[in-house]
ModelCIF file with pLDDT and N, C-alpha, C, O atoms, coordinates in Angstrom:
data_MODEL
#
_entry.id   MODEL 
#
_entity.id                         1 
_entity.type                       polymer 
_entity.pdbx_number_of_molecules   1 
#
_entity_poly.entity_id                      1 
_entity_poly.type                           'polypeptide(L)' 
_entity_poly.nstd_linkage                   no 
_entity_poly.nstd_monomer                   no 
_entity_poly.pdbx_seq_one_letter_code       TSAAPCDWLPDHQLHVVPTLAHVDQLIAHISRIVH 
_entity_poly.pdbx_seq_one_letter_code_can   TSAAPCDWLPDHQLHVVPTLAHVDQLIAHISRIVH 
_entity_poly.pdbx_strand_id                 A 
#
loop_
_entity_poly_seq.entity_id 
_entity_poly_seq.num 
_entity_poly_seq.mon_id 
_entity_poly_seq.hetero 
1 1  THR n 
1 2  SER n 
1 3  ALA n 
1 4  ALA n 
1 5  PRO n 
1 6  CYS n 
1 7  ASP n 
1 8  TRP n 
1 9  LEU n 
1 10 PRO n 
1 11 ASP n 
1 12 HIS n 
1 13 GLN n 
1 14 LEU n 
1 15 HIS n 
1 16 VAL n 
1 17 VAL n 
1 18 PRO n 
1 19 THR n 
1 20 LEU n 
1 21 ALA n 
1 22 HIS n 
1 23 VAL n 
1 24 ASP n 
1 25 GLN n 
1 26 LEU n 
1 27 ILE n 
1 28 ALA n 
1 29 HIS n 
1 30 ILE n 
1 31 SER n 
1 32 ARG n 
1 33 ILE n 
1 34 VAL n 
1 35 HIS n 
#
_struct_asym.id          A 
_struct_asym.entity_id   1 
#
loop_
_ma_qa_metric.id 
_ma_qa_metric.mode 
_ma_qa_metric.name 
_ma_qa_metric.software_group_id 
_ma_qa_metric.type 
1 global pLDDT . pLDDT 
2 local  pLDDT . pLDDT 
#
_ma_qa_metric_global.metric_id      1 
_ma_qa_metric_global.metric_value   88.49 
_ma_qa_metric_global.model_id       1 
_ma_qa_metric_global.ordinal_id     1 
#
loop_
_ma_qa_metric_local.label_asym_id 
_ma_qa_metric_local.label_comp_id 
_ma_qa_metric_local.label_seq_id 
_ma_qa_metric_local.metric_id 
_ma_qa_metric_local.metric_value 
_ma_qa_metric_local.model_id 
_ma_qa_metric_local.ordinal_id 
A THR 1  2 48.00 1 1  
A SER 2  2 57.00 1 2  
A ALA 3  2 60.00 1 3  
A ALA 4  2 68.00 1 4  
A PRO 5  2 81.00 1 5  
A CYS 6  2 83.00 1 6  
A ASP 7  2 86.00 1 7  
A TRP 8  2 88.00 1 8  
A LEU 9  2 87.00 1 9  
A PRO 10 2 91.00 1 10 
A ASP 11 2 92.00 1 11 
A HIS 12 2 93.00 1 12 
A GLN 13 2 91.00 1 13 
A LEU 14 2 91.00 1 14 
A HIS 15 2 92.00 1 15 
A VAL 16 2 92.00 1 16 
A VAL 17 2 91.00 1 17 
A PRO 18 2 92.00 1 18 
A THR 19 2 94.00 1 19 
A LEU 20 2 92.00 1 20 
A ALA 21 2 93.00 1 21 
A HIS 22 2 96.00 1 22 
A VAL 23 2 97.00 1 23 
A ASP 24 2 96.00 1 24 
A GLN 25 2 97.00 1 25 
A LEU 26 2 98.00 1 26 
A ILE 27 2 97.00 1 27 
A ALA 28 2 97.00 1 28 
A HIS 29 2 97.00 1 29 
A ILE 30 2 96.00 1 30 
A SER 31 2 94.00 1 31 
A ARG 32 2 95.00 1 32 
A ILE 33 2 94.00 1 33 
A VAL 34 2 90.00 1 34 
A HIS 35 2 91.00 1 35 
#
loop_
_atom_site.group_PDB 
_atom_site.id 
_atom_site.type_symbol 
_atom_site.label_atom_id 
_atom_site.label_alt_id 
_atom_site.label_comp_id 
_atom_site.label_asym_id 
_atom_site.label_entity_id 
_atom_site.label_seq_id 
_atom_site.pdbx_PDB_ins_code 
_atom_site.Cartn_x 
_atom_site.Cartn_y 
_atom_site.Cartn_z 
_atom_site.occupancy 
_atom_site.B_iso_or_equiv 
_atom_site.pdbx_formal_charge 
_atom_site.auth_seq_id 
_atom_site.auth_comp_id 
_atom_site.auth_asym_id 
_atom_site.auth_atom_id 
_atom_site.pdbx_PDB_model_num 
ATOM 1   N N  . THR A 1 1  ? 43.775 -11.775 -0.724  1.00 48.00 ? 1  THR A N  1 
ATOM 2   C CA . THR A 1 1  ? 43.090 -10.956 -1.613  1.00 48.00 ? 1  THR A CA 1 
ATOM 3   C C  . THR A 1 1  ? 44.272 -10.086 -2.546  1.00 48.00 ? 1  THR A C  1 
ATOM 4   O O  . THR A 1 1  ? 43.931 -9.647  -3.644  1.00 48.00 ? 1  THR A O  1 
ATOM 5   N N  . SER A 1 2  ? 44.922 -9.987  -2.309  1.00 57.00 ? 2  SER A N  1 
ATOM 6   C CA . SER A 1 2  ? 46.427 -9.904  -3.411  1.00 57.00 ? 2  SER A CA 1 
ATOM 7   C C  . SER A 1 2  ? 46.662 -10.167 -4.757  1.00 57.00 ? 2  SER A C  1 
ATOM 8   O O  . SER A 1 2  ? 47.250 -11.150 -5.206  1.00 57.00 ? 2  SER A O  1 
ATOM 9   N N  . ALA A 1 3  ? 46.247 -9.377  -5.288  1.00 60.00 ? 3  ALA A N  1 
ATOM 10  C CA . ALA A 1 3  ? 46.204 -10.291 -6.988  1.00 60.00 ? 3  ALA A CA 1 
ATOM 11  C C  . ALA A 1 3  ? 48.040 -10.186 -7.781  1.00 60.00 ? 3  ALA A C  1 
ATOM 12  O O  . ALA A 1 3  ? 48.688 -9.157  -7.972  1.00 60.00 ? 3  ALA A O  1 
ATOM 13  N N  . ALA A 1 4  ? 48.248 -10.917 -7.937  1.00 68.00 ? 4  ALA A N  1 
ATOM 14  C CA . ALA A 1 4  ? 49.668 -11.089 -8.417  1.00 68.00 ? 4  ALA A CA 1 
ATOM 15  C C  . ALA A 1 4  ? 49.112 -10.761 -9.907  1.00 68.00 ? 4  ALA A C  1 
ATOM 16  O O  . ALA A 1 4  ? 47.952 -10.853 -10.307 1.00 68.00 ? 4  ALA A O  1 
ATOM 17  N N  . PRO A 1 5  ? 50.624 -10.231 -10.827 1.00 81.00 ? 5  PRO A N  1 
ATOM 18  C CA . PRO A 1 5  ? 50.172 -9.836  -12.026 1.00 81.00 ? 5  PRO A CA 1 
ATOM 19  C C  . PRO A 1 5  ? 49.774 -11.089 -13.115 1.00 81.00 ? 5  PRO A C  1 
ATOM 20  O O  . PRO A 1 5  ? 50.688 -11.912 -13.078 1.00 81.00 ? 5  PRO A O  1 
ATOM 21  N N  . CYS A 1 6  ? 49.014 -11.382 -13.797 1.00 83.00 ? 6  CYS A N  1 
ATOM 22  C CA . CYS A 1 6  ? 48.436 -12.516 -14.291 1.00 83.00 ? 6  CYS A CA 1 
ATOM 23  C C  . CYS A 1 6  ? 48.424 -11.761 -16.161 1.00 83.00 ? 6  CYS A C  1 
ATOM 24  O O  . CYS A 1 6  ? 47.574 -12.227 -16.919 1.00 83.00 ? 6  CYS A O  1 
ATOM 25  N N  . ASP A 1 7  ? 49.400 -10.640 -16.716 1.00 86.00 ? 7  ASP A N  1 
ATOM 26  C CA . ASP A 1 7  ? 49.887 -10.181 -17.937 1.00 86.00 ? 7  ASP A CA 1 
ATOM 27  C C  . ASP A 1 7  ? 50.218 -11.360 -19.009 1.00 86.00 ? 7  ASP A C  1 
ATOM 28  O O  . ASP A 1 7  ? 49.938 -11.426 -20.206 1.00 86.00 ? 7  ASP A O  1 
ATOM 29  N N  . TRP A 1 8  ? 51.012 -12.402 -18.037 1.00 88.00 ? 8  TRP A N  1 
ATOM 30  C CA . TRP A 1 8  ? 51.648 -13.689 -18.935 1.00 88.00 ? 8  TRP A CA 1 
ATOM 31  C C  . TRP A 1 8  ? 50.563 -14.450 -19.386 1.00 88.00 ? 8  TRP A C  1 
ATOM 32  O O  . TRP A 1 8  ? 50.818 -15.240 -20.294 1.00 88.00 ? 8  TRP A O  1 
ATOM 33  N N  . LEU A 1 9  ? 49.342 -14.398 -18.944 1.00 87.00 ? 9  LEU A N  1 
ATOM 34  C CA . LEU A 1 9  ? 48.648 -15.621 -18.986 1.00 87.00 ? 9  LEU A CA 1 
ATOM 35  C C  . LEU A 1 9  ? 47.430 -15.367 -19.943 1.00 87.00 ? 9  LEU A C  1 
ATOM 36  O O  . LEU A 1 9  ? 46.710 -14.463 -19.520 1.00 87.00 ? 9  LEU A O  1 
ATOM 37  N N  . PRO A 1 10 ? 47.067 -15.856 -20.970 1.00 91.00 ? 10 PRO A N  1 
ATOM 38  C CA . PRO A 1 10 ? 46.159 -15.238 -22.236 1.00 91.00 ? 10 PRO A CA 1 
ATOM 39  C C  . PRO A 1 10 ? 45.026 -15.599 -21.227 1.00 91.00 ? 10 PRO A C  1 
ATOM 40  O O  . PRO A 1 10 ? 45.003 -16.463 -20.351 1.00 91.00 ? 10 PRO A O  1 
ATOM 41  N N  . ASP A 1 11 ? 43.820 -14.411 -21.723 1.00 92.00 ? 11 ASP A N  1 
ATOM 42  C CA . ASP A 1 11 ? 42.823 -14.317 -21.807 1.00 92.00 ? 11 ASP A CA 1 
ATOM 43  C C  . ASP A 1 11 ? 42.116 -15.594 -20.959 1.00 92.00 ? 11 ASP A C  1 
ATOM 44  O O  . ASP A 1 11 ? 41.852 -15.720 -19.763 1.00 92.00 ? 11 ASP A O  1 
ATOM 45  N N  . HIS A 1 12 ? 41.882 -16.721 -22.429 1.00 93.00 ? 12 HIS A N  1 
ATOM 46  C CA . HIS A 1 12 ? 41.187 -17.541 -21.767 1.00 93.00 ? 12 HIS A CA 1 
ATOM 47  C C  . HIS A 1 12 ? 41.083 -18.965 -21.472 1.00 93.00 ? 12 HIS A C  1 
ATOM 48  O O  . HIS A 1 12 ? 40.337 -19.931 -21.631 1.00 93.00 ? 12 HIS A O  1 
ATOM 49  N N  . GLN A 1 13 ? 42.907 -18.396 -20.638 1.00 91.00 ? 13 GLN A N  1 
ATOM 50  C CA . GLN A 1 13 ? 43.558 -19.101 -19.335 1.00 91.00 ? 13 GLN A CA 1 
ATOM 51  C C  . GLN A 1 13 ? 42.765 -18.818 -17.984 1.00 91.00 ? 13 GLN A C  1 
ATOM 52  O O  . GLN A 1 13 ? 42.463 -19.647 -17.126 1.00 91.00 ? 13 GLN A O  1 
ATOM 53  N N  . LEU A 1 14 ? 42.509 -17.507 -17.997 1.00 91.00 ? 14 LEU A N  1 
ATOM 54  C CA . LEU A 1 14 ? 42.803 -16.404 -16.913 1.00 91.00 ? 14 LEU A CA 1 
ATOM 55  C C  . LEU A 1 14 ? 41.507 -17.649 -15.716 1.00 91.00 ? 14 LEU A C  1 
ATOM 56  O O  . LEU A 1 14 ? 41.533 -17.356 -14.521 1.00 91.00 ? 14 LEU A O  1 
ATOM 57  N N  . HIS A 1 15 ? 40.843 -18.482 -15.995 1.00 92.00 ? 15 HIS A N  1 
ATOM 58  C CA . HIS A 1 15 ? 39.410 -19.074 -15.456 1.00 92.00 ? 15 HIS A CA 1 
ATOM 59  C C  . HIS A 1 15 ? 40.661 -20.193 -14.509 1.00 92.00 ? 15 HIS A C  1 
ATOM 60  O O  . HIS A 1 15 ? 40.103 -20.815 -13.606 1.00 92.00 ? 15 HIS A O  1 
ATOM 61  N N  . VAL A 1 16 ? 41.635 -20.372 -14.592 1.00 92.00 ? 16 VAL A N  1 
ATOM 62  C CA . VAL A 1 16 ? 42.917 -21.119 -13.552 1.00 92.00 ? 16 VAL A CA 1 
ATOM 63  C C  . VAL A 1 16 ? 42.865 -21.001 -12.895 1.00 92.00 ? 16 VAL A C  1 
ATOM 64  O O  . VAL A 1 16 ? 42.381 -21.755 -12.051 1.00 92.00 ? 16 VAL A O  1 
ATOM 65  N N  . VAL A 1 17 ? 43.433 -19.693 -12.702 1.00 91.00 ? 17 VAL A N  1 
ATOM 66  C CA . VAL A 1 17 ? 43.827 -18.847 -11.466 1.00 91.00 ? 17 VAL A CA 1 
ATOM 67  C C  . VAL A 1 17 ? 43.308 -19.176 -10.414 1.00 91.00 ? 17 VAL A C  1 
ATOM 68  O O  . VAL A 1 17 ? 43.974 -20.004 -9.792  1.00 91.00 ? 17 VAL A O  1 
ATOM 69  N N  . PRO A 1 18 ? 42.179 -18.800 -9.848  1.00 92.00 ? 18 PRO A N  1 
ATOM 70  C CA . PRO A 1 18 ? 41.703 -19.234 -8.485  1.00 92.00 ? 18 PRO A CA 1 
ATOM 71  C C  . PRO A 1 18 ? 42.294 -20.767 -8.428  1.00 92.00 ? 18 PRO A C  1 
ATOM 72  O O  . PRO A 1 18 ? 43.146 -21.241 -7.676  1.00 92.00 ? 18 PRO A O  1 
ATOM 73  N N  . THR A 1 19 ? 41.571 -21.344 -9.446  1.00 94.00 ? 19 THR A N  1 
ATOM 74  C CA . THR A 1 19 ? 41.633 -23.091 -8.762  1.00 94.00 ? 19 THR A CA 1 
ATOM 75  C C  . THR A 1 19 ? 43.271 -23.330 -8.443  1.00 94.00 ? 19 THR A C  1 
ATOM 76  O O  . THR A 1 19 ? 43.591 -24.074 -7.516  1.00 94.00 ? 19 THR A O  1 
ATOM 77  N N  . LEU A 1 20 ? 44.481 -22.527 -9.420  1.00 92.00 ? 20 LEU A N  1 
ATOM 78  C CA . LEU A 1 20 ? 45.626 -22.985 -8.916  1.00 92.00 ? 20 LEU A CA 1 
ATOM 79  C C  . LEU A 1 20 ? 45.743 -22.126 -7.633  1.00 92.00 ? 20 LEU A C  1 
ATOM 80  O O  . LEU A 1 20 ? 46.242 -22.760 -6.704  1.00 92.00 ? 20 LEU A O  1 
ATOM 81  N N  . ALA A 1 21 ? 45.500 -21.187 -7.420  1.00 93.00 ? 21 ALA A N  1 
ATOM 82  C CA . ALA A 1 21 ? 45.514 -20.598 -6.221  1.00 93.00 ? 21 ALA A CA 1 
ATOM 83  C C  . ALA A 1 21 ? 44.468 -21.303 -5.245  1.00 93.00 ? 21 ALA A C  1 
ATOM 84  O O  . ALA A 1 21 ? 44.790 -20.750 -4.193  1.00 93.00 ? 21 ALA A O  1 
ATOM 85  N N  . HIS A 1 22 ? 43.658 -21.970 -4.985  1.00 96.00 ? 22 HIS A N  1 
ATOM 86  C CA . HIS A 1 22 ? 43.060 -23.134 -4.220  1.00 96.00 ? 22 HIS A CA 1 
ATOM 87  C C  . HIS A 1 22 ? 44.083 -24.395 -3.771  1.00 96.00 ? 22 HIS A C  1 
ATOM 88  O O  . HIS A 1 22 ? 44.209 -24.784 -2.610  1.00 96.00 ? 22 HIS A O  1 
ATOM 89  N N  . VAL A 1 23 ? 44.795 -24.959 -4.954  1.00 97.00 ? 23 VAL A N  1 
ATOM 90  C CA . VAL A 1 23 ? 45.651 -26.334 -4.748  1.00 97.00 ? 23 VAL A CA 1 
ATOM 91  C C  . VAL A 1 23 ? 46.709 -25.994 -4.318  1.00 97.00 ? 23 VAL A C  1 
ATOM 92  O O  . VAL A 1 23 ? 47.453 -26.824 -3.796  1.00 97.00 ? 23 VAL A O  1 
ATOM 93  N N  . ASP A 1 24 ? 47.127 -24.381 -4.450  1.00 96.00 ? 24 ASP A N  1 
ATOM 94  C CA . ASP A 1 24 ? 49.229 -24.120 -3.921  1.00 96.00 ? 24 ASP A CA 1 
ATOM 95  C C  . ASP A 1 24 ? 48.213 -23.958 -2.005  1.00 96.00 ? 24 ASP A C  1 
ATOM 96  O O  . ASP A 1 24 ? 48.548 -24.638 -1.035  1.00 96.00 ? 24 ASP A O  1 
ATOM 97  N N  . GLN A 1 25 ? 47.317 -23.158 -1.989  1.00 97.00 ? 25 GLN A N  1 
ATOM 98  C CA . GLN A 1 25 ? 46.732 -22.968 -0.308  1.00 97.00 ? 25 GLN A CA 1 
ATOM 99  C C  . GLN A 1 25 ? 46.289 -24.915 0.078   1.00 97.00 ? 25 GLN A C  1 
ATOM 100 O O  . GLN A 1 25 ? 46.089 -25.448 1.170   1.00 97.00 ? 25 GLN A O  1 
ATOM 101 N N  . LEU A 1 26 ? 46.273 -25.474 -1.224  1.00 98.00 ? 26 LEU A N  1 
ATOM 102 C CA . LEU A 1 26 ? 45.854 -26.844 -0.221  1.00 98.00 ? 26 LEU A CA 1 
ATOM 103 C C  . LEU A 1 26 ? 47.345 -27.334 0.247   1.00 98.00 ? 26 LEU A C  1 
ATOM 104 O O  . LEU A 1 26 ? 47.570 -27.751 1.383   1.00 98.00 ? 26 LEU A O  1 
ATOM 105 N N  . ILE A 1 27 ? 48.293 -27.231 -0.744  1.00 97.00 ? 27 ILE A N  1 
ATOM 106 C CA . ILE A 1 27 ? 49.651 -28.305 -0.769  1.00 97.00 ? 27 ILE A CA 1 
ATOM 107 C C  . ILE A 1 27 ? 50.167 -27.169 0.599   1.00 97.00 ? 27 ILE A C  1 
ATOM 108 O O  . ILE A 1 27 ? 50.025 -27.797 1.648   1.00 97.00 ? 27 ILE A O  1 
ATOM 109 N N  . ALA A 1 28 ? 50.583 -26.055 0.817   1.00 97.00 ? 28 ALA A N  1 
ATOM 110 C CA . ALA A 1 28 ? 51.116 -25.434 1.781   1.00 97.00 ? 28 ALA A CA 1 
ATOM 111 C C  . ALA A 1 28 ? 49.901 -25.747 3.198   1.00 97.00 ? 28 ALA A C  1 
ATOM 112 O O  . ALA A 1 28 ? 50.376 -25.010 4.062   1.00 97.00 ? 28 ALA A O  1 
ATOM 113 N N  . HIS A 1 29 ? 48.861 -26.310 3.728   1.00 97.00 ? 29 HIS A N  1 
ATOM 114 C CA . HIS A 1 29 ? 48.212 -27.162 4.274   1.00 97.00 ? 29 HIS A CA 1 
ATOM 115 C C  . HIS A 1 29 ? 48.472 -28.199 4.755   1.00 97.00 ? 29 HIS A C  1 
ATOM 116 O O  . HIS A 1 29 ? 48.703 -28.272 5.962   1.00 97.00 ? 29 HIS A O  1 
ATOM 117 N N  . ILE A 1 30 ? 48.506 -29.283 3.948   1.00 96.00 ? 30 ILE A N  1 
ATOM 118 C CA . ILE A 1 30 ? 48.948 -30.352 4.113   1.00 96.00 ? 30 ILE A CA 1 
ATOM 119 C C  . ILE A 1 30 ? 50.367 -30.700 4.231   1.00 96.00 ? 30 ILE A C  1 
ATOM 120 O O  . ILE A 1 30 ? 50.629 -31.889 4.417   1.00 96.00 ? 30 ILE A O  1 
ATOM 121 N N  . SER A 1 31 ? 51.406 -29.777 4.144   1.00 94.00 ? 31 SER A N  1 
ATOM 122 C CA . SER A 1 31 ? 53.421 -29.252 4.103   1.00 94.00 ? 31 SER A CA 1 
ATOM 123 C C  . SER A 1 31 ? 52.680 -28.972 5.321   1.00 94.00 ? 31 SER A C  1 
ATOM 124 O O  . SER A 1 31 ? 52.140 -30.077 5.379   1.00 94.00 ? 31 SER A O  1 
ATOM 125 N N  . ARG A 1 32 ? 52.198 -28.316 6.414   1.00 95.00 ? 32 ARG A N  1 
ATOM 126 C CA . ARG A 1 32 ? 52.072 -27.962 7.442   1.00 95.00 ? 32 ARG A CA 1 
ATOM 127 C C  . ARG A 1 32 ? 51.750 -29.293 8.408   1.00 95.00 ? 32 ARG A C  1 
ATOM 128 O O  . ARG A 1 32 ? 52.472 -29.642 9.342   1.00 95.00 ? 32 ARG A O  1 
ATOM 129 N N  . ILE A 1 33 ? 50.359 -30.048 7.935   1.00 94.00 ? 33 ILE A N  1 
ATOM 130 C CA . ILE A 1 33 ? 50.322 -30.905 8.531   1.00 94.00 ? 33 ILE A CA 1 
ATOM 131 C C  . ILE A 1 33 ? 50.918 -31.855 8.568   1.00 94.00 ? 33 ILE A C  1 
ATOM 132 O O  . ILE A 1 33 ? 50.699 -32.447 9.625   1.00 94.00 ? 33 ILE A O  1 
ATOM 133 N N  . VAL A 1 34 ? 52.026 -32.665 7.547   1.00 90.00 ? 34 VAL A N  1 
ATOM 134 C CA . VAL A 1 34 ? 52.910 -33.651 7.382   1.00 90.00 ? 34 VAL A CA 1 
ATOM 135 C C  . VAL A 1 34 ? 54.160 -32.966 8.172   1.00 90.00 ? 34 VAL A C  1 
ATOM 136 O O  . VAL A 1 34 ? 55.074 -33.729 8.482   1.00 90.00 ? 34 VAL A O  1 
ATOM 137 N N  . HIS A 1 35 ? 54.288 -31.452 8.559   1.00 91.00 ? 35 HIS A N  1 
ATOM 138 C CA . HIS A 1 35 ? 55.868 -31.209 9.228   1.00 91.00 ? 35 HIS A CA 1 
ATOM 139 C C  . HIS A 1 35 ? 55.223 -31.527 11.273  1.00 91.00 ? 35 HIS A C  1 
ATOM 140 O O  . HIS A 1 35 ? 56.036 -31.457 12.195  1.00 91.00 ? 35 HIS A O  1 
#
């Protein structure tokens, strides 16, 4: 639930932030499984 600053991201691209966060979470989960 902690928010990272997204000031660098144009407003019209803010909708991708939750998707990228989800992808990051999936990569971490897969990395734990593989490890």
